[in-house]
Amino acid sequence: MKLTVDTSKCSGHARCYAVAPDVFDIDDLGYAVPLDREVEEPVDDGITAGIAACPEHAISIH
């Protein structure tokens, strides 16, 4: 599975980083850094929390 951040949807709320700083990274303005990485099952709680925290639905796992 892949974890992806669509930076065109990100509005810089930094909620993903706030709940899971070990998974997500942000730039100096609070926007999510582009992310495209493999994720193993079971999905880490931090990843799930980061996805749920994004108000713009810019983070997906597929």
N, C-alpha and C. Protein backbone atom coordinates (compact mmCIF):
# COMPACT_ATOMS: atom_id res chain seq x y z
N MET A 1 0.84 -1.17 0.00
CA MET A 1 0.00 0.00 0.00
C MET A 1 0.89 1.24 0.00
N LYS A 2 0.35 2.33 -0.54
CA LYS A 2 1.10 3.59 -0.60
C LYS A 2 0.37 4.67 0.17
N LEU A 3 1.15 5.46 0.90
CA LEU A 3 0.66 6.64 1.61
C LEU A 3 1.08 7.84 0.78
N THR A 4 0.10 8.67 0.41
CA THR A 4 0.36 9.79 -0.48
C THR A 4 -0.24 11.07 0.09
N VAL A 5 0.50 12.18 -0.04
CA VAL A 5 -0.02 13.50 0.29
C VAL A 5 -0.14 14.27 -1.01
N ASP A 6 -1.36 14.71 -1.31
CA ASP A 6 -1.60 15.52 -2.49
C ASP A 6 -1.38 16.99 -2.09
N THR A 7 -0.21 17.51 -2.41
CA THR A 7 0.15 18.86 -1.97
C THR A 7 -0.70 19.94 -2.63
N SER A 8 -1.38 19.62 -3.73
CA SER A 8 -2.26 20.61 -4.35
C SER A 8 -3.52 20.84 -3.54
N LYS A 9 -3.87 19.89 -2.67
CA LYS A 9 -5.04 20.02 -1.80
C LYS A 9 -4.68 20.58 -0.43
N CYS A 10 -3.43 20.47 -0.03
CA CYS A 10 -3.00 20.88 1.31
C CYS A 10 -3.16 22.39 1.48
N SER A 11 -3.77 22.79 2.62
CA SER A 11 -3.97 24.21 2.92
C SER A 11 -3.08 24.69 4.06
N GLY A 12 -2.19 23.84 4.53
CA GLY A 12 -1.22 24.25 5.55
C GLY A 12 -1.74 24.26 6.97
N HIS A 13 -2.75 23.47 7.27
CA HIS A 13 -3.26 23.40 8.64
C HIS A 13 -2.29 22.67 9.57
N ALA A 14 -1.45 21.82 9.02
CA ALA A 14 -0.44 21.04 9.76
C ALA A 14 -1.03 20.09 10.79
N ARG A 15 -2.27 19.70 10.61
CA ARG A 15 -2.90 18.78 11.56
C ARG A 15 -2.31 17.38 11.48
N CYS A 16 -1.91 16.97 10.27
CA CYS A 16 -1.29 15.65 10.13
C CYS A 16 -0.01 15.59 10.96
N TYR A 17 0.77 16.63 10.86
CA TYR A 17 2.03 16.71 11.61
C TYR A 17 1.78 16.80 13.11
N ALA A 18 0.73 17.51 13.50
CA ALA A 18 0.42 17.68 14.92
C ALA A 18 0.09 16.35 15.59
N VAL A 19 -0.60 15.46 14.87
CA VAL A 19 -0.98 14.18 15.46
C VAL A 19 0.03 13.07 15.21
N ALA A 20 0.87 13.23 14.18
CA ALA A 20 1.84 12.17 13.86
C ALA A 20 3.13 12.75 13.28
N PRO A 21 3.91 13.46 14.11
CA PRO A 21 5.14 14.07 13.61
C PRO A 21 6.20 13.06 13.16
N ASP A 22 6.08 11.82 13.60
CA ASP A 22 7.03 10.80 13.18
C ASP A 22 6.70 10.24 11.79
N VAL A 23 5.49 10.54 11.29
CA VAL A 23 5.06 10.05 9.99
C VAL A 23 5.09 11.16 8.94
N PHE A 24 4.58 12.33 9.32
CA PHE A 24 4.42 13.43 8.38
C PHE A 24 5.44 14.53 8.66
N ASP A 25 5.76 15.28 7.62
CA ASP A 25 6.68 16.40 7.75
C ASP A 25 6.04 17.61 7.08
N ILE A 26 6.36 18.79 7.59
CA ILE A 26 5.81 20.02 7.01
C ILE A 26 6.94 20.98 6.68
N ASP A 27 6.65 21.92 5.78
CA ASP A 27 7.65 22.91 5.43
C ASP A 27 7.55 24.10 6.39
N ASP A 28 8.30 25.15 6.14
CA ASP A 28 8.34 26.30 7.03
C ASP A 28 7.02 27.05 7.12
N LEU A 29 6.14 26.86 6.15
CA LEU A 29 4.84 27.54 6.14
C LEU A 29 3.70 26.66 6.65
N GLY A 30 4.02 25.43 7.04
CA GLY A 30 3.01 24.53 7.59
C GLY A 30 2.38 23.60 6.58
N TYR A 31 2.84 23.64 5.34
CA TYR A 31 2.30 22.75 4.31
C TYR A 31 2.98 21.39 4.37
N ALA A 32 2.19 20.36 4.11
CA ALA A 32 2.73 19.01 4.12
C ALA A 32 3.78 18.85 3.02
N VAL A 33 4.84 18.18 3.36
CA VAL A 33 5.89 17.87 2.40
C VAL A 33 5.38 16.71 1.54
N PRO A 34 5.64 16.74 0.24
CA PRO A 34 5.18 15.64 -0.62
C PRO A 34 5.62 14.29 -0.05
N LEU A 35 4.70 13.37 -0.05
CA LEU A 35 4.96 12.07 0.54
C LEU A 35 4.41 11.00 -0.39
N ASP A 36 5.19 10.01 -0.65
CA ASP A 36 4.78 8.89 -1.47
C ASP A 36 5.61 7.70 -1.02
N ARG A 37 5.09 6.99 -0.04
CA ARG A 37 5.90 5.90 0.51
C ARG A 37 5.07 4.64 0.74
N GLU A 38 5.76 3.53 0.79
CA GLU A 38 5.12 2.25 1.04
C GLU A 38 4.75 2.14 2.52
N VAL A 39 3.60 1.50 2.76
CA VAL A 39 3.11 1.30 4.12
C VAL A 39 2.76 -0.18 4.27
N GLU A 40 3.19 -0.74 5.36
CA GLU A 40 2.88 -2.14 5.64
C GLU A 40 1.59 -2.26 6.45
N GLU A 41 0.94 -3.40 6.31
CA GLU A 41 -0.23 -3.68 7.14
C GLU A 41 0.24 -4.40 8.39
N PRO A 42 -0.37 -4.21 9.52
CA PRO A 42 -1.46 -3.28 9.78
C PRO A 42 -0.96 -1.84 9.74
N VAL A 43 -1.84 -0.95 9.32
CA VAL A 43 -1.50 0.47 9.19
C VAL A 43 -1.29 1.08 10.57
N ASP A 44 -0.19 1.78 10.71
CA ASP A 44 0.18 2.44 11.97
C ASP A 44 -0.91 3.42 12.40
N ASP A 45 -1.15 3.51 13.72
CA ASP A 45 -2.15 4.43 14.26
C ASP A 45 -1.85 5.89 13.91
N GLY A 46 -0.58 6.25 13.83
CA GLY A 46 -0.20 7.61 13.47
C GLY A 46 -0.62 7.96 12.06
N ILE A 47 -0.48 7.01 11.16
CA ILE A 47 -0.90 7.23 9.78
C ILE A 47 -2.41 7.43 9.72
N THR A 48 -3.14 6.56 10.39
CA THR A 48 -4.59 6.66 10.41
C THR A 48 -5.04 7.99 11.02
N ALA A 49 -4.40 8.41 12.10
CA ALA A 49 -4.75 9.68 12.74
C ALA A 49 -4.43 10.87 11.84
N GLY A 50 -3.32 10.82 11.14
CA GLY A 50 -2.95 11.90 10.23
C GLY A 50 -3.93 12.04 9.07
N ILE A 51 -4.36 10.91 8.53
CA ILE A 51 -5.34 10.92 7.46
C ILE A 51 -6.65 11.52 7.96
N ALA A 52 -7.10 11.09 9.12
CA ALA A 52 -8.36 11.57 9.68
C ALA A 52 -8.30 13.05 10.06
N ALA A 53 -7.12 13.54 10.42
CA ALA A 53 -6.98 14.93 10.86
C ALA A 53 -6.97 15.94 9.73
N CYS A 54 -6.77 15.49 8.52
CA CYS A 54 -6.64 16.42 7.38
C CYS A 54 -8.02 16.92 6.93
N PRO A 55 -8.31 18.21 7.13
CA PRO A 55 -9.62 18.73 6.72
C PRO A 55 -9.79 18.83 5.21
N GLU A 56 -8.70 18.81 4.48
CA GLU A 56 -8.76 18.93 3.02
C GLU A 56 -8.77 17.57 2.32
N HIS A 57 -8.67 16.48 3.10
CA HIS A 57 -8.61 15.13 2.56
C HIS A 57 -7.48 15.00 1.53
N ALA A 58 -6.33 15.57 1.88
CA ALA A 58 -5.18 15.56 0.98
C ALA A 58 -4.30 14.32 1.17
N ILE A 59 -4.59 13.53 2.17
CA ILE A 59 -3.77 12.35 2.47
C ILE A 59 -4.58 11.11 2.15
N SER A 60 -3.96 10.19 1.43
CA SER A 60 -4.67 8.95 1.10
C SER A 60 -3.74 7.77 1.23
N ILE A 61 -4.37 6.63 1.40
CA ILE A 61 -3.65 5.37 1.43
C ILE A 61 -4.37 4.43 0.49
N HIS A 62 -3.62 3.85 -0.41
CA HIS A 62 -4.24 2.96 -1.41
C HIS A 62 -3.29 1.87 -1.79
